[in-house]
């Protein structure tokens, strides 16, 4: 994975495991609802998992710190 950088993402999210969980949930949500927070043409990635990571790096996904994930 080249974009977004894992280092940049880990400055936003506490751990790699939490990042995977957040990206997977958002990716499934994109697939189910077909709702994207950025116009499709603006994404670098062609797959929803990459698009979810791009949204995390842009700060478009709310991340609750200090709470247990469902």
C-alpha atoms as a PDB file:
ATOM      1  CA  UNK A   1       0.000   0.000   0.000  1.00  0.00           C
ATOM      2  CA  UNK A   2       1.524   3.292  -1.073  1.00  0.00           C
ATOM      3  CA  UNK A   3      -1.265   5.789  -0.448  1.00  0.00           C
ATOM      4  CA  UNK A   4      -2.198   6.754   2.180  1.00  0.00           C
ATOM      5  CA  UNK A   5       0.979   6.168   4.135  1.00  0.00           C
ATOM      6  CA  UNK A   6       0.689   3.812   7.117  1.00  0.00           C
ATOM      7  CA  UNK A   7       2.749   6.294   9.141  1.00  0.00           C
ATOM      8  CA  UNK A   8       0.236   9.074   8.480  1.00  0.00           C
ATOM      9  CA  UNK A   9      -2.666   6.785   9.360  1.00  0.00           C
ATOM     10  CA  UNK A  10      -1.056   5.681  12.621  1.00  0.00           C
ATOM     11  CA  UNK A  11      -0.842   9.345  13.681  1.00  0.00           C
ATOM     12  CA  UNK A  12      -4.648   9.414  13.437  1.00  0.00           C
ATOM     13  CA  UNK A  13      -5.471   5.954  14.824  1.00  0.00           C
ATOM     14  CA  UNK A  14      -3.933   4.432  17.953  1.00  0.00           C
ATOM     15  CA  UNK A  15      -2.991   1.012  16.562  1.00  0.00           C
ATOM     16  CA  UNK A  16      -2.785  -1.025  13.370  1.00  0.00           C
ATOM     17  CA  UNK A  17      -5.504  -3.322  14.678  1.00  0.00           C
ATOM     18  CA  UNK A  18      -7.916  -0.477  15.271  1.00  0.00           C
ATOM     19  CA  UNK A  19      -7.104   0.898  11.819  1.00  0.00           C
ATOM     20  CA  UNK A  20      -7.951  -2.443  10.199  1.00  0.00           C
ATOM     21  CA  UNK A  21     -11.214  -2.626  12.132  1.00  0.00           C
ATOM     22  CA  UNK A  22     -12.244   0.925  11.190  1.00  0.00           C
ATOM     23  CA  UNK A  23     -11.322   0.508   7.519  1.00  0.00           C
ATOM     24  CA  UNK A  24     -13.148  -2.824   7.256  1.00  0.00           C
ATOM     25  CA  UNK A  25     -16.330  -1.416   8.812  1.00  0.00           C
ATOM     26  CA  UNK A  26     -16.278   1.653   6.580  1.00  0.00           C
ATOM     27  CA  UNK A  27     -15.548  -0.450   3.499  1.00  0.00           C
ATOM     28  CA  UNK A  28     -18.534  -2.715   4.227  1.00  0.00           C
ATOM     29  CA  UNK A  29     -20.683   0.363   4.776  1.00  0.00           C
ATOM     30  CA  UNK A  30     -19.593   1.772   1.390  1.00  0.00           C
ATOM     31  CA  UNK A  31     -20.449  -1.508  -0.318  1.00  0.00           C
ATOM     32  CA  UNK A  32     -23.852  -1.749   1.350  1.00  0.00           C
ATOM     33  CA  UNK A  33     -25.021   1.867   1.000  1.00  0.00           C
ATOM     34  CA  UNK A  34     -22.950   3.035  -1.984  1.00  0.00           C
ATOM     35  CA  UNK A  35     -22.390   6.307  -0.083  1.00  0.00           C
ATOM     36  CA  UNK A  36     -18.965   7.899  -0.521  1.00  0.00           C
ATOM     37  CA  UNK A  37     -17.793  11.009   1.331  1.00  0.00           C
ATOM     38  CA  UNK A  38     -15.528  12.096  -1.520  1.00  0.00           C
ATOM     39  CA  UNK A  39     -16.552  12.143  -5.204  1.00  0.00           C
ATOM     40  CA  UNK A  40     -15.577   8.814  -6.807  1.00  0.00           C
ATOM     41  CA  UNK A  41     -13.258  10.525  -9.303  1.00  0.00           C
ATOM     42  CA  UNK A  42     -11.197  12.047  -6.464  1.00  0.00           C
ATOM     43  CA  UNK A  43     -10.227   8.723  -4.851  1.00  0.00           C
ATOM     44  CA  UNK A  44      -6.801   7.307  -5.632  1.00  0.00           C
ATOM     45  CA  UNK A  45      -7.881   3.742  -4.844  1.00  0.00           C
ATOM     46  CA  UNK A  46     -10.303   1.768  -6.971  1.00  0.00           C
ATOM     47  CA  UNK A  47     -11.363  -0.572  -4.132  1.00  0.00           C
ATOM     48  CA  UNK A  48     -13.528   0.329  -1.153  1.00  0.00           C
ATOM     49  CA  UNK A  49     -10.941  -0.733   1.432  1.00  0.00           C
ATOM     50  CA  UNK A  50      -8.447   1.752  -0.035  1.00  0.00           C
ATOM     51  CA  UNK A  51     -11.140   4.408  -0.259  1.00  0.00           C
ATOM     52  CA  UNK A  52     -11.965   3.839   3.419  1.00  0.00           C
ATOM     53  CA  UNK A  53      -8.304   4.357   4.327  1.00  0.00           C
ATOM     54  CA  UNK A  54      -8.260   7.553   2.259  1.00  0.00           C
ATOM     55  CA  UNK A  55     -11.293   8.817   4.189  1.00  0.00           C
ATOM     56  CA  UNK A  56      -9.540   8.043   7.476  1.00  0.00           C
ATOM     57  CA  UNK A  57      -6.451   9.962   6.344  1.00  0.00           C
ATOM     58  CA  UNK A  58      -8.619  12.950   5.339  1.00  0.00           C
ATOM     59  CA  UNK A  59     -10.336  12.962   8.749  1.00  0.00           C
ATOM     60  CA  UNK A  60     -13.755  12.123   7.330  1.00  0.00           C
ATOM     61  CA  UNK A  61     -14.279   9.110   9.610  1.00  0.00           C
ATOM     62  CA  UNK A  62     -15.005   9.748  13.286  1.00  0.00           C
ATOM     63  CA  UNK A  63     -12.740   7.740  15.568  1.00  0.00           C
ATOM     64  CA  UNK A  64     -13.797   7.386  19.180  1.00  0.00           C
ATOM     65  CA  UNK A  65     -10.713   7.188  21.367  1.00  0.00           C
ATOM     66  CA  UNK A  66     -10.631   5.300  24.616  1.00  0.00           C
ATOM     67  CA  UNK A  67     -13.832   3.377  23.957  1.00  0.00           C
ATOM     68  CA  UNK A  68     -14.219  -0.286  23.240  1.00  0.00           C
ATOM     69  CA  UNK A  69     -15.061  -1.034  19.601  1.00  0.00           C
ATOM     70  CA  UNK A  70     -18.234  -2.984  18.894  1.00  0.00           C
END
